[in-house]
Amino acid sequence: MIKELRQYPTDTLKENGFSQKEITAIKGPLKAKSKYGNITYTINYDKMYQKNGETFLRTKMTWDWSKAPICLLTDIPAMTTSETFTKDSATAKVQYYAYGNKNKKTSTSSPKVKTANAGQGVYIKLSMGKNFDVSEHSYKEIPLSGSITTSWSVSKKLKQVSIASNYGHTILSCTPSVSFGRSAAIGFTPEKRCKYGDEAYMKATLK
């Protein structure tokens, strides 16, 4: 990510919300890049059942940063299924930490879960910093973990479905891609550039 950012002029980085301190780190030696944090995200399900000819599914996506990332703009966690399940309800939880310190939890927020493709995918837009501290040149609260829990249904009987999630992290804009080919996908058009990891993927089976 840092290597990609180094390609942009300083003025472009400033226009996209990077502070002078962040720009100096981006343009400087890369030997310290590991200190900017790594993210892990998972997906699981706790319920899949049939009733009156419909199949119901409940999934949960979670993510966790090891340390605060250097880019604190807007991130997008998202998830979808391989079938035509649509969202019945969904909730999200985001945990903020004081200045990105994993030992100091502050506030918890519950952002609205949005839908894509007529409800066949869900996502949230996540502000990566709250209450900027001018003296410390840092946000007072930085979100380092969270989850999205979703209840889905489809009007047919299914014994198995694949589910996937992805976490889109900002470079200059944030756009994840979560898909199963053309059958089901969450697609967001990138504005400039985006960076995201591999999908978290698993199969849910009717018990």
N, C-alpha and C. Protein backbone atom coordinates (compact mmCIF):
# COMPACT_ATOMS: atom_id res chain seq x y z
N MET A 1 0.82 -1.20 0.00
CA MET A 1 0.00 0.00 0.00
C MET A 1 0.86 1.26 0.00
N ILE A 2 1.91 1.27 0.85
CA ILE A 2 2.78 2.44 0.92
C ILE A 2 3.47 2.67 -0.41
N LYS A 3 3.89 1.59 -1.06
CA LYS A 3 4.56 1.73 -2.36
C LYS A 3 3.65 2.38 -3.38
N GLU A 4 2.37 2.02 -3.36
CA GLU A 4 1.41 2.62 -4.30
C GLU A 4 1.20 4.09 -4.01
N LEU A 5 1.11 4.44 -2.73
CA LEU A 5 0.89 5.83 -2.35
C LEU A 5 2.06 6.72 -2.73
N ARG A 6 3.27 6.18 -2.72
CA ARG A 6 4.47 6.97 -3.03
C ARG A 6 4.46 7.48 -4.46
N GLN A 7 3.64 6.89 -5.32
CA GLN A 7 3.57 7.30 -6.72
C GLN A 7 2.86 8.65 -6.88
N TYR A 8 2.07 9.05 -5.89
CA TYR A 8 1.25 10.26 -6.02
C TYR A 8 2.00 11.49 -5.55
N PRO A 9 1.80 12.64 -6.23
CA PRO A 9 2.42 13.89 -5.79
C PRO A 9 1.88 14.30 -4.41
N THR A 10 2.66 15.08 -3.70
CA THR A 10 2.26 15.55 -2.38
C THR A 10 0.93 16.29 -2.42
N ASP A 11 0.73 17.12 -3.43
CA ASP A 11 -0.52 17.89 -3.53
C ASP A 11 -1.73 16.97 -3.66
N THR A 12 -1.58 15.89 -4.41
CA THR A 12 -2.69 14.94 -4.58
C THR A 12 -3.02 14.26 -3.26
N LEU A 13 -2.00 13.88 -2.51
CA LEU A 13 -2.22 13.26 -1.21
C LEU A 13 -2.90 14.23 -0.25
N LYS A 14 -2.49 15.50 -0.27
CA LYS A 14 -3.12 16.50 0.60
C LYS A 14 -4.59 16.68 0.24
N GLU A 15 -4.88 16.71 -1.06
CA GLU A 15 -6.27 16.89 -1.51
C GLU A 15 -7.16 15.74 -1.06
N ASN A 16 -6.57 14.59 -0.83
CA ASN A 16 -7.35 13.41 -0.44
C ASN A 16 -7.29 13.13 1.05
N GLY A 17 -6.89 14.15 1.83
CA GLY A 17 -7.07 14.06 3.27
C GLY A 17 -5.86 13.62 4.09
N PHE A 18 -4.71 13.42 3.46
CA PHE A 18 -3.54 13.01 4.22
C PHE A 18 -2.88 14.21 4.88
N SER A 19 -2.47 14.05 6.12
CA SER A 19 -1.77 15.11 6.83
C SER A 19 -0.31 15.15 6.39
N GLN A 20 0.37 16.26 6.73
CA GLN A 20 1.78 16.37 6.38
C GLN A 20 2.60 15.28 7.04
N LYS A 21 2.23 14.91 8.27
CA LYS A 21 2.93 13.85 8.98
C LYS A 21 2.78 12.51 8.25
N GLU A 22 1.57 12.23 7.77
CA GLU A 22 1.33 10.99 7.04
C GLU A 22 2.09 10.99 5.71
N ILE A 23 2.10 12.15 5.03
CA ILE A 23 2.80 12.25 3.74
C ILE A 23 4.30 12.04 3.93
N THR A 24 4.85 12.60 5.01
CA THR A 24 6.27 12.41 5.30
C THR A 24 6.59 10.93 5.51
N ALA A 25 5.68 10.23 6.22
CA ALA A 25 5.88 8.80 6.45
C ALA A 25 5.78 8.01 5.15
N ILE A 26 4.83 8.40 4.29
CA ILE A 26 4.64 7.71 3.02
C ILE A 26 5.86 7.89 2.12
N LYS A 27 6.38 9.11 2.05
CA LYS A 27 7.49 9.42 1.16
C LYS A 27 8.85 8.98 1.74
N GLY A 28 8.89 8.68 3.03
CA GLY A 28 10.14 8.32 3.68
C GLY A 28 10.52 6.87 3.47
N PRO A 29 11.52 6.39 4.20
CA PRO A 29 11.97 4.99 4.07
C PRO A 29 10.85 4.02 4.38
N LEU A 30 10.87 2.88 3.70
CA LEU A 30 9.81 1.89 3.87
C LEU A 30 10.10 0.89 4.98
N LYS A 31 11.24 1.01 5.64
CA LYS A 31 11.60 0.01 6.64
C LYS A 31 10.65 -0.01 7.83
N ALA A 32 9.90 1.08 8.06
CA ALA A 32 8.99 1.12 9.21
C ALA A 32 7.55 0.81 8.83
N LYS A 33 7.32 0.34 7.61
CA LYS A 33 5.95 0.17 7.15
C LYS A 33 5.15 -0.82 7.99
N SER A 34 5.81 -1.81 8.62
CA SER A 34 5.09 -2.83 9.37
C SER A 34 4.39 -2.27 10.60
N LYS A 35 4.78 -1.11 11.07
CA LYS A 35 4.18 -0.57 12.28
C LYS A 35 2.77 -0.04 12.05
N TYR A 36 2.35 0.03 10.80
CA TYR A 36 1.06 0.65 10.52
C TYR A 36 -0.12 -0.29 10.62
N GLY A 37 0.10 -1.50 11.08
CA GLY A 37 -1.03 -2.37 11.38
C GLY A 37 -1.40 -3.35 10.28
N ASN A 38 -1.92 -4.48 10.68
CA ASN A 38 -2.46 -5.49 9.78
C ASN A 38 -3.88 -5.81 10.22
N ILE A 39 -4.72 -6.14 9.25
CA ILE A 39 -6.11 -6.45 9.57
C ILE A 39 -6.42 -7.91 9.29
N THR A 40 -7.21 -8.52 10.16
CA THR A 40 -7.75 -9.85 9.91
C THR A 40 -9.27 -9.73 9.94
N TYR A 41 -9.95 -10.47 9.07
CA TYR A 41 -11.40 -10.46 9.09
C TYR A 41 -11.91 -11.88 8.81
N THR A 42 -13.01 -12.20 9.42
CA THR A 42 -13.56 -13.55 9.31
C THR A 42 -15.05 -13.48 9.04
N ILE A 43 -15.61 -14.61 8.63
CA ILE A 43 -17.06 -14.70 8.44
C ILE A 43 -17.51 -16.06 8.97
N ASN A 44 -18.67 -16.11 9.61
CA ASN A 44 -19.21 -17.38 10.08
C ASN A 44 -20.73 -17.31 10.07
N TYR A 45 -21.38 -18.44 10.32
CA TYR A 45 -22.85 -18.45 10.42
C TYR A 45 -23.24 -19.27 11.63
N ASP A 46 -24.34 -18.88 12.26
CA ASP A 46 -24.79 -19.63 13.44
C ASP A 46 -26.16 -20.26 13.24
N LYS A 47 -26.76 -20.03 12.07
CA LYS A 47 -28.10 -20.58 11.86
C LYS A 47 -28.42 -20.65 10.37
N MET A 48 -28.97 -21.80 9.96
CA MET A 48 -29.52 -21.96 8.62
C MET A 48 -30.65 -22.96 8.73
N TYR A 49 -31.88 -22.58 8.33
CA TYR A 49 -33.02 -23.47 8.48
C TYR A 49 -34.08 -23.16 7.42
N GLN A 50 -35.04 -24.08 7.27
CA GLN A 50 -36.12 -23.93 6.29
C GLN A 50 -37.46 -23.81 7.00
N LYS A 51 -38.37 -23.02 6.40
CA LYS A 51 -39.71 -22.87 6.94
C LYS A 51 -40.64 -22.38 5.84
N ASN A 52 -41.75 -23.09 5.65
CA ASN A 52 -42.76 -22.72 4.65
C ASN A 52 -42.16 -22.46 3.27
N GLY A 53 -41.25 -23.35 2.86
CA GLY A 53 -40.68 -23.25 1.53
C GLY A 53 -39.58 -22.22 1.38
N GLU A 54 -39.19 -21.56 2.45
CA GLU A 54 -38.11 -20.58 2.42
C GLU A 54 -36.90 -21.08 3.20
N THR A 55 -35.73 -20.56 2.87
CA THR A 55 -34.51 -20.87 3.60
C THR A 55 -34.02 -19.60 4.27
N PHE A 56 -33.68 -19.73 5.55
CA PHE A 56 -33.22 -18.58 6.34
C PHE A 56 -31.77 -18.80 6.77
N LEU A 57 -31.02 -17.73 6.82
CA LEU A 57 -29.59 -17.80 7.12
C LEU A 57 -29.19 -16.60 7.99
N ARG A 58 -28.32 -16.84 8.95
CA ARG A 58 -27.80 -15.77 9.80
C ARG A 58 -26.28 -15.82 9.76
N THR A 59 -25.65 -14.71 9.38
CA THR A 59 -24.19 -14.65 9.24
C THR A 59 -23.61 -13.53 10.09
N LYS A 60 -22.31 -13.63 10.34
CA LYS A 60 -21.61 -12.58 11.07
C LYS A 60 -20.22 -12.39 10.48
N MET A 61 -19.89 -11.16 10.15
CA MET A 61 -18.55 -10.79 9.69
C MET A 61 -17.88 -9.99 10.80
N THR A 62 -16.62 -10.30 11.11
CA THR A 62 -15.88 -9.53 12.10
C THR A 62 -14.54 -9.09 11.52
N TRP A 63 -14.01 -7.99 12.01
CA TRP A 63 -12.68 -7.55 11.60
C TRP A 63 -11.94 -6.97 12.80
N ASP A 64 -10.61 -6.98 12.69
CA ASP A 64 -9.79 -6.51 13.80
C ASP A 64 -8.43 -6.03 13.28
N TRP A 65 -8.06 -4.79 13.62
CA TRP A 65 -6.75 -4.26 13.27
C TRP A 65 -5.77 -4.56 14.40
N SER A 66 -4.52 -4.89 14.05
CA SER A 66 -3.50 -5.10 15.07
C SER A 66 -3.04 -3.76 15.65
N LYS A 67 -2.95 -2.75 14.79
CA LYS A 67 -2.60 -1.38 15.18
C LYS A 67 -3.34 -0.44 14.24
N ALA A 68 -3.37 0.82 14.57
CA ALA A 68 -4.04 1.80 13.71
C ALA A 68 -3.33 1.88 12.36
N PRO A 69 -4.06 1.80 11.25
CA PRO A 69 -3.44 1.94 9.93
C PRO A 69 -3.06 3.39 9.68
N ILE A 70 -2.20 3.62 8.70
CA ILE A 70 -1.76 4.98 8.42
C ILE A 70 -2.87 5.79 7.75
N CYS A 71 -3.69 5.16 6.93
CA CYS A 71 -4.74 5.88 6.19
C CYS A 71 -6.03 5.87 6.99
N LEU A 72 -6.45 7.03 7.44
CA LEU A 72 -7.65 7.11 8.28
C LEU A 72 -8.71 7.95 7.58
N LEU A 73 -9.27 7.40 6.52
CA LEU A 73 -10.33 8.09 5.79
C LEU A 73 -11.62 7.29 5.93
N THR A 74 -12.03 6.55 4.91
CA THR A 74 -13.26 5.77 4.97
C THR A 74 -13.00 4.34 4.50
N ASP A 75 -13.37 3.35 5.31
CA ASP A 75 -13.25 1.95 4.93
C ASP A 75 -14.64 1.36 4.71
N ILE A 76 -14.70 0.22 4.00
CA ILE A 76 -15.99 -0.41 3.72
C ILE A 76 -15.90 -1.93 3.92
N PRO A 77 -16.44 -2.47 5.01
CA PRO A 77 -16.63 -3.92 5.12
C PRO A 77 -17.91 -4.31 4.37
N ALA A 78 -17.88 -5.47 3.69
CA ALA A 78 -19.04 -5.89 2.90
C ALA A 78 -19.13 -7.41 2.87
N MET A 79 -20.35 -7.91 2.59
CA MET A 79 -20.55 -9.36 2.50
C MET A 79 -21.72 -9.68 1.59
N THR A 80 -21.72 -10.91 1.04
CA THR A 80 -22.79 -11.36 0.14
C THR A 80 -22.86 -12.88 0.18
N THR A 81 -23.77 -13.46 -0.59
CA THR A 81 -23.93 -14.92 -0.67
C THR A 81 -23.91 -15.36 -2.13
N SER A 82 -23.76 -16.68 -2.34
CA SER A 82 -23.70 -17.21 -3.70
C SER A 82 -25.08 -17.46 -4.29
N GLU A 83 -26.13 -17.32 -3.47
CA GLU A 83 -27.50 -17.50 -3.93
C GLU A 83 -28.23 -16.16 -3.85
N THR A 84 -29.52 -16.16 -4.21
CA THR A 84 -30.28 -14.91 -4.24
C THR A 84 -30.91 -14.59 -2.88
N PHE A 85 -30.16 -14.82 -1.81
CA PHE A 85 -30.63 -14.40 -0.49
C PHE A 85 -30.71 -12.87 -0.46
N THR A 86 -31.71 -12.37 0.24
CA THR A 86 -31.79 -10.93 0.46
C THR A 86 -31.81 -10.65 1.96
N LYS A 87 -31.38 -9.46 2.31
CA LYS A 87 -31.29 -9.09 3.72
C LYS A 87 -32.67 -8.87 4.31
N ASP A 88 -32.95 -9.53 5.46
CA ASP A 88 -34.16 -9.24 6.22
C ASP A 88 -33.88 -8.18 7.28
N SER A 89 -32.73 -8.33 7.96
CA SER A 89 -32.32 -7.34 8.96
C SER A 89 -30.81 -7.45 9.14
N ALA A 90 -30.21 -6.39 9.63
CA ALA A 90 -28.76 -6.41 9.85
C ALA A 90 -28.37 -5.34 10.86
N THR A 91 -27.38 -5.64 11.65
CA THR A 91 -26.85 -4.68 12.61
C THR A 91 -25.33 -4.68 12.52
N ALA A 92 -24.74 -3.56 12.88
CA ALA A 92 -23.28 -3.45 12.87
C ALA A 92 -22.81 -2.86 14.19
N LYS A 93 -21.63 -3.25 14.60
CA LYS A 93 -21.02 -2.72 15.81
C LYS A 93 -19.57 -2.35 15.50
N VAL A 94 -19.16 -1.15 15.92
CA VAL A 94 -17.79 -0.69 15.69
C VAL A 94 -17.20 -0.23 17.01
N GLN A 95 -16.02 -0.75 17.35
CA GLN A 95 -15.35 -0.39 18.60
C GLN A 95 -14.22 0.60 18.33
N TYR A 96 -14.28 1.75 19.01
CA TYR A 96 -13.24 2.77 18.89
C TYR A 96 -12.26 2.68 20.05
N TYR A 97 -11.01 3.08 19.77
CA TYR A 97 -9.94 3.03 20.77
C TYR A 97 -9.25 4.40 20.84
N ALA A 98 -8.82 4.78 22.04
CA ALA A 98 -8.17 6.07 22.25
C ALA A 98 -6.85 6.14 21.49
N TYR A 99 -6.78 7.04 20.52
CA TYR A 99 -5.59 7.27 19.71
C TYR A 99 -5.06 5.97 19.07
N GLY A 100 -5.96 5.01 18.85
CA GLY A 100 -5.56 3.75 18.23
C GLY A 100 -4.85 2.79 19.16
N ASN A 101 -4.93 3.02 20.47
CA ASN A 101 -4.30 2.15 21.46
C ASN A 101 -5.23 0.97 21.76
N LYS A 102 -4.80 -0.25 21.43
CA LYS A 102 -5.66 -1.42 21.59
C LYS A 102 -6.01 -1.72 23.05
N ASN A 103 -5.31 -1.12 23.99
CA ASN A 103 -5.59 -1.34 25.42
C ASN A 103 -6.56 -0.31 26.00
N LYS A 104 -7.01 0.64 25.17
CA LYS A 104 -7.85 1.71 25.68
C LYS A 104 -9.10 1.87 24.82
N LYS A 105 -10.13 1.09 25.14
CA LYS A 105 -11.41 1.21 24.43
C LYS A 105 -12.10 2.50 24.83
N THR A 106 -12.77 3.12 23.88
CA THR A 106 -13.55 4.34 24.19
C THR A 106 -15.02 4.08 23.86
N SER A 107 -15.48 4.60 22.76
CA SER A 107 -16.90 4.48 22.43
C SER A 107 -17.18 3.31 21.49
N THR A 108 -18.46 2.92 21.44
CA THR A 108 -18.94 1.92 20.50
C THR A 108 -20.06 2.54 19.68
N SER A 109 -20.03 2.34 18.37
CA SER A 109 -21.09 2.88 17.53
C SER A 109 -21.81 1.75 16.80
N SER A 110 -23.01 2.05 16.31
CA SER A 110 -23.82 1.08 15.57
C SER A 110 -24.25 1.70 14.25
N PRO A 111 -23.34 1.76 13.27
CA PRO A 111 -23.68 2.39 12.00
C PRO A 111 -24.77 1.63 11.24
N LYS A 112 -25.50 2.35 10.42
CA LYS A 112 -26.56 1.73 9.62
C LYS A 112 -25.96 0.82 8.56
N VAL A 113 -26.52 -0.38 8.44
CA VAL A 113 -26.07 -1.33 7.43
C VAL A 113 -26.82 -1.03 6.14
N LYS A 114 -26.08 -0.80 5.06
CA LYS A 114 -26.68 -0.50 3.76
C LYS A 114 -26.71 -1.76 2.90
N THR A 115 -27.54 -1.72 1.86
CA THR A 115 -27.66 -2.88 0.98
C THR A 115 -27.23 -2.53 -0.43
N ALA A 116 -26.81 -3.56 -1.16
CA ALA A 116 -26.45 -3.43 -2.57
C ALA A 116 -27.13 -4.52 -3.35
N ASN A 117 -27.36 -4.28 -4.64
CA ASN A 117 -27.95 -5.27 -5.54
C ASN A 117 -29.28 -5.80 -5.01
N ALA A 118 -30.20 -4.88 -4.74
CA ALA A 118 -31.56 -5.22 -4.29
C ALA A 118 -31.54 -6.07 -3.02
N GLY A 119 -30.62 -5.78 -2.14
CA GLY A 119 -30.58 -6.47 -0.86
C GLY A 119 -29.74 -7.73 -0.83
N GLN A 120 -29.09 -8.08 -1.95
CA GLN A 120 -28.32 -9.31 -1.99
C GLN A 120 -26.91 -9.15 -1.42
N GLY A 121 -26.56 -7.97 -0.98
CA GLY A 121 -25.30 -7.74 -0.32
C GLY A 121 -25.48 -6.67 0.73
N VAL A 122 -24.63 -6.67 1.74
CA VAL A 122 -24.69 -5.65 2.79
C VAL A 122 -23.31 -5.06 3.00
N TYR A 123 -23.27 -3.80 3.46
CA TYR A 123 -22.00 -3.16 3.73
C TYR A 123 -22.21 -1.96 4.64
N ILE A 124 -21.13 -1.47 5.24
CA ILE A 124 -21.17 -0.21 5.97
C ILE A 124 -20.00 0.65 5.52
N LYS A 125 -20.20 1.94 5.59
CA LYS A 125 -19.11 2.88 5.38
C LYS A 125 -18.61 3.30 6.76
N LEU A 126 -17.32 3.12 6.98
CA LEU A 126 -16.74 3.26 8.30
C LEU A 126 -15.76 4.43 8.35
N SER A 127 -16.09 5.46 9.12
CA SER A 127 -15.18 6.57 9.32
C SER A 127 -14.03 6.12 10.21
N MET A 128 -12.80 6.27 9.73
CA MET A 128 -11.64 5.73 10.44
C MET A 128 -11.03 6.68 11.47
N GLY A 129 -11.72 7.74 11.81
CA GLY A 129 -11.22 8.64 12.85
C GLY A 129 -12.30 9.58 13.34
N LYS A 130 -12.32 9.85 14.64
CA LYS A 130 -13.27 10.80 15.21
C LYS A 130 -12.52 11.76 16.14
N ASN A 131 -12.95 13.02 16.13
CA ASN A 131 -12.43 14.03 17.07
C ASN A 131 -10.93 14.23 16.92
N PHE A 132 -10.55 14.93 15.88
CA PHE A 132 -9.13 15.14 15.61
C PHE A 132 -8.49 16.01 16.69
N ASP A 133 -7.34 15.58 17.20
CA ASP A 133 -6.59 16.30 18.23
C ASP A 133 -5.44 17.04 17.54
N VAL A 134 -5.57 18.35 17.44
CA VAL A 134 -4.59 19.15 16.73
C VAL A 134 -3.21 19.05 17.38
N SER A 135 -3.17 19.10 18.70
CA SER A 135 -1.88 19.08 19.40
C SER A 135 -1.14 17.75 19.23
N GLU A 136 -1.89 16.65 19.13
CA GLU A 136 -1.28 15.32 18.98
C GLU A 136 -1.17 14.88 17.53
N HIS A 137 -1.76 15.68 16.62
CA HIS A 137 -1.78 15.34 15.19
C HIS A 137 -2.36 13.93 14.97
N SER A 138 -3.40 13.63 15.70
CA SER A 138 -4.02 12.30 15.62
C SER A 138 -5.48 12.39 16.02
N TYR A 139 -6.26 11.41 15.59
CA TYR A 139 -7.64 11.33 16.03
C TYR A 139 -7.70 10.78 17.46
N LYS A 140 -8.61 11.33 18.24
CA LYS A 140 -8.77 10.85 19.62
C LYS A 140 -9.37 9.45 19.66
N GLU A 141 -10.18 9.12 18.66
CA GLU A 141 -10.81 7.81 18.61
C GLU A 141 -10.63 7.19 17.23
N ILE A 142 -10.11 5.96 17.21
CA ILE A 142 -9.87 5.25 15.96
C ILE A 142 -10.50 3.86 16.05
N PRO A 143 -11.33 3.47 15.09
CA PRO A 143 -11.98 2.15 15.14
C PRO A 143 -11.04 1.04 14.68
N LEU A 144 -10.82 0.06 15.54
CA LEU A 144 -9.90 -1.03 15.20
C LEU A 144 -10.57 -2.39 15.14
N SER A 145 -11.85 -2.47 15.48
CA SER A 145 -12.55 -3.75 15.38
C SER A 145 -14.04 -3.51 15.19
N GLY A 146 -14.74 -4.54 14.73
CA GLY A 146 -16.18 -4.40 14.55
C GLY A 146 -16.79 -5.65 13.95
N SER A 147 -18.08 -5.58 13.68
CA SER A 147 -18.79 -6.74 13.13
C SER A 147 -20.06 -6.30 12.42
N ILE A 148 -20.53 -7.14 11.51
CA ILE A 148 -21.83 -6.99 10.86
C ILE A 148 -22.56 -8.32 10.99
N THR A 149 -23.75 -8.30 11.60
CA THR A 149 -24.57 -9.50 11.75
C THR A 149 -25.81 -9.35 10.87
N THR A 150 -26.07 -10.34 10.03
CA THR A 150 -27.14 -10.22 9.03
C THR A 150 -28.05 -11.44 9.03
N SER A 151 -29.35 -11.20 8.95
CA SER A 151 -30.33 -12.26 8.74
C SER A 151 -30.80 -12.20 7.30
N TRP A 152 -30.73 -13.34 6.59
CA TRP A 152 -31.08 -13.42 5.17
C TRP A 152 -32.21 -14.42 4.96
N SER A 153 -32.89 -14.31 3.82
CA SER A 153 -33.86 -15.32 3.43
C SER A 153 -33.96 -15.40 1.91
N VAL A 154 -34.42 -16.58 1.42
CA VAL A 154 -34.63 -16.78 -0.01
C VAL A 154 -35.86 -17.67 -0.16
N SER A 155 -36.65 -17.42 -1.20
CA SER A 155 -37.93 -18.13 -1.38
C SER A 155 -37.75 -19.47 -2.10
N LYS A 156 -36.87 -20.31 -1.58
CA LYS A 156 -36.72 -21.67 -2.07
C LYS A 156 -35.94 -22.47 -1.03
N LYS A 157 -35.99 -23.79 -1.19
CA LYS A 157 -35.30 -24.66 -0.24
C LYS A 157 -33.86 -24.90 -0.71
N LEU A 158 -32.92 -24.60 0.16
CA LEU A 158 -31.51 -24.81 -0.14
C LEU A 158 -30.87 -25.59 1.00
N LYS A 159 -29.95 -26.47 0.65
CA LYS A 159 -29.23 -27.21 1.68
C LYS A 159 -27.83 -26.63 1.94
N GLN A 160 -27.35 -25.83 1.00
CA GLN A 160 -26.02 -25.28 1.15
C GLN A 160 -25.91 -23.95 0.42
N VAL A 161 -25.15 -23.03 0.97
CA VAL A 161 -24.92 -21.74 0.34
C VAL A 161 -23.51 -21.28 0.70
N SER A 162 -22.86 -20.60 -0.22
CA SER A 162 -21.54 -20.03 0.06
C SER A 162 -21.71 -18.58 0.48
N ILE A 163 -20.89 -18.16 1.43
CA ILE A 163 -20.93 -16.78 1.91
C ILE A 163 -19.52 -16.22 1.86
N ALA A 164 -19.42 -14.92 1.62
CA ALA A 164 -18.10 -14.30 1.51
C ALA A 164 -18.15 -12.89 2.05
N SER A 165 -17.00 -12.41 2.49
CA SER A 165 -16.90 -11.03 2.95
C SER A 165 -15.57 -10.45 2.49
N ASN A 166 -15.47 -9.15 2.54
CA ASN A 166 -14.23 -8.47 2.22
C ASN A 166 -14.17 -7.17 2.99
N TYR A 167 -12.97 -6.68 3.18
CA TYR A 167 -12.78 -5.41 3.89
C TYR A 167 -11.98 -4.48 2.99
N GLY A 168 -12.61 -3.39 2.58
CA GLY A 168 -11.94 -2.42 1.71
C GLY A 168 -11.30 -1.34 2.56
N HIS A 169 -9.98 -1.18 2.42
CA HIS A 169 -9.25 -0.18 3.20
C HIS A 169 -8.79 0.95 2.30
N THR A 170 -8.88 2.16 2.79
CA THR A 170 -8.60 3.35 2.00
C THR A 170 -7.16 3.44 1.53
N ILE A 171 -6.98 3.77 0.27
CA ILE A 171 -5.73 4.37 -0.21
C ILE A 171 -6.05 5.81 -0.56
N LEU A 172 -6.76 6.03 -1.64
CA LEU A 172 -7.28 7.36 -1.93
C LEU A 172 -8.80 7.35 -1.98
N SER A 173 -9.37 6.21 -2.19
CA SER A 173 -10.80 6.01 -2.02
C SER A 173 -10.96 4.56 -1.62
N CYS A 174 -12.17 4.15 -1.24
CA CYS A 174 -12.31 2.81 -0.70
C CYS A 174 -13.42 2.05 -1.40
N THR A 175 -13.07 0.96 -2.06
CA THR A 175 -14.06 0.20 -2.80
C THR A 175 -13.72 -1.29 -2.75
N PRO A 176 -14.42 -2.07 -1.94
CA PRO A 176 -14.14 -3.50 -1.93
C PRO A 176 -14.87 -4.21 -3.05
N SER A 177 -14.44 -5.40 -3.36
CA SER A 177 -15.14 -6.25 -4.32
C SER A 177 -15.44 -7.57 -3.63
N VAL A 178 -16.69 -7.91 -3.52
CA VAL A 178 -17.09 -9.18 -2.93
C VAL A 178 -18.00 -9.86 -3.93
N SER A 179 -17.61 -11.04 -4.44
CA SER A 179 -18.38 -11.59 -5.54
C SER A 179 -18.28 -13.10 -5.65
N PHE A 180 -19.25 -13.67 -6.37
CA PHE A 180 -19.20 -15.06 -6.80
C PHE A 180 -19.46 -15.08 -8.30
N GLY A 181 -18.57 -14.50 -9.03
CA GLY A 181 -18.78 -14.39 -10.47
C GLY A 181 -19.98 -13.51 -10.76
N ARG A 182 -20.75 -13.88 -11.75
CA ARG A 182 -21.91 -13.07 -12.14
C ARG A 182 -23.17 -13.41 -11.35
N SER A 183 -23.15 -14.51 -10.62
CA SER A 183 -24.37 -14.95 -9.94
C SER A 183 -24.75 -14.05 -8.78
N ALA A 184 -23.76 -13.56 -8.03
CA ALA A 184 -24.04 -12.68 -6.91
C ALA A 184 -22.78 -11.87 -6.62
N ALA A 185 -22.96 -10.59 -6.41
CA ALA A 185 -21.78 -9.76 -6.19
C ALA A 185 -22.16 -8.45 -5.53
N ILE A 186 -21.19 -7.88 -4.81
CA ILE A 186 -21.29 -6.48 -4.40
C ILE A 186 -20.21 -5.76 -5.17
N GLY A 187 -20.60 -4.86 -6.03
CA GLY A 187 -19.61 -4.14 -6.81
C GLY A 187 -19.76 -2.64 -6.61
N PHE A 188 -18.66 -1.99 -6.23
CA PHE A 188 -18.66 -0.54 -6.09
C PHE A 188 -17.62 0.01 -7.05
N THR A 189 -17.99 1.02 -7.81
CA THR A 189 -17.07 1.58 -8.79
C THR A 189 -16.00 2.41 -8.08
N PRO A 190 -14.72 2.11 -8.28
CA PRO A 190 -13.67 2.90 -7.64
C PRO A 190 -13.68 4.34 -8.13
N GLU A 191 -13.40 5.28 -7.24
CA GLU A 191 -13.30 6.67 -7.63
C GLU A 191 -11.91 6.98 -8.17
N LYS A 192 -10.87 6.57 -7.47
CA LYS A 192 -9.50 6.78 -7.93
C LYS A 192 -8.70 5.49 -7.80
N ARG A 193 -8.41 5.11 -6.56
CA ARG A 193 -7.72 3.85 -6.34
C ARG A 193 -8.29 3.21 -5.08
N CYS A 194 -8.16 1.92 -4.99
CA CYS A 194 -8.63 1.24 -3.80
C CYS A 194 -7.71 0.07 -3.49
N LYS A 195 -7.79 -0.40 -2.28
CA LYS A 195 -6.98 -1.53 -1.84
C LYS A 195 -7.84 -2.44 -0.99
N TYR A 196 -7.88 -3.71 -1.32
CA TYR A 196 -8.63 -4.63 -0.48
C TYR A 196 -7.95 -5.99 -0.52
N GLY A 197 -8.23 -6.79 0.49
CA GLY A 197 -7.60 -8.10 0.60
C GLY A 197 -8.41 -9.18 -0.09
N ASP A 198 -7.98 -10.42 0.08
CA ASP A 198 -8.73 -11.55 -0.46
C ASP A 198 -10.02 -11.73 0.33
N GLU A 199 -11.00 -12.34 -0.32
CA GLU A 199 -12.26 -12.59 0.37
C GLU A 199 -12.10 -13.60 1.49
N ALA A 200 -12.85 -13.38 2.56
CA ALA A 200 -13.05 -14.43 3.56
C ALA A 200 -14.24 -15.25 3.05
N TYR A 201 -14.11 -16.57 2.99
CA TYR A 201 -15.08 -17.40 2.27
C TYR A 201 -15.36 -18.69 3.04
N MET A 202 -16.61 -19.11 3.06
CA MET A 202 -16.95 -20.41 3.63
C MET A 202 -18.31 -20.87 3.12
N LYS A 203 -18.67 -22.13 3.39
CA LYS A 203 -19.97 -22.68 3.01
C LYS A 203 -20.82 -22.88 4.25
N ALA A 204 -22.08 -22.50 4.13
CA ALA A 204 -23.06 -22.75 5.19
C ALA A 204 -23.92 -23.94 4.76
N THR A 205 -24.15 -24.86 5.67
CA THR A 205 -24.88 -26.09 5.35
C THR A 205 -26.07 -26.27 6.29
N LEU A 206 -27.20 -26.63 5.72
CA LEU A 206 -28.40 -26.88 6.53
C LEU A 206 -28.16 -28.06 7.47
N LYS A 207 -28.44 -27.88 8.74
CA LYS A 207 -28.22 -28.94 9.73
C LYS A 207 -29.52 -29.68 10.02
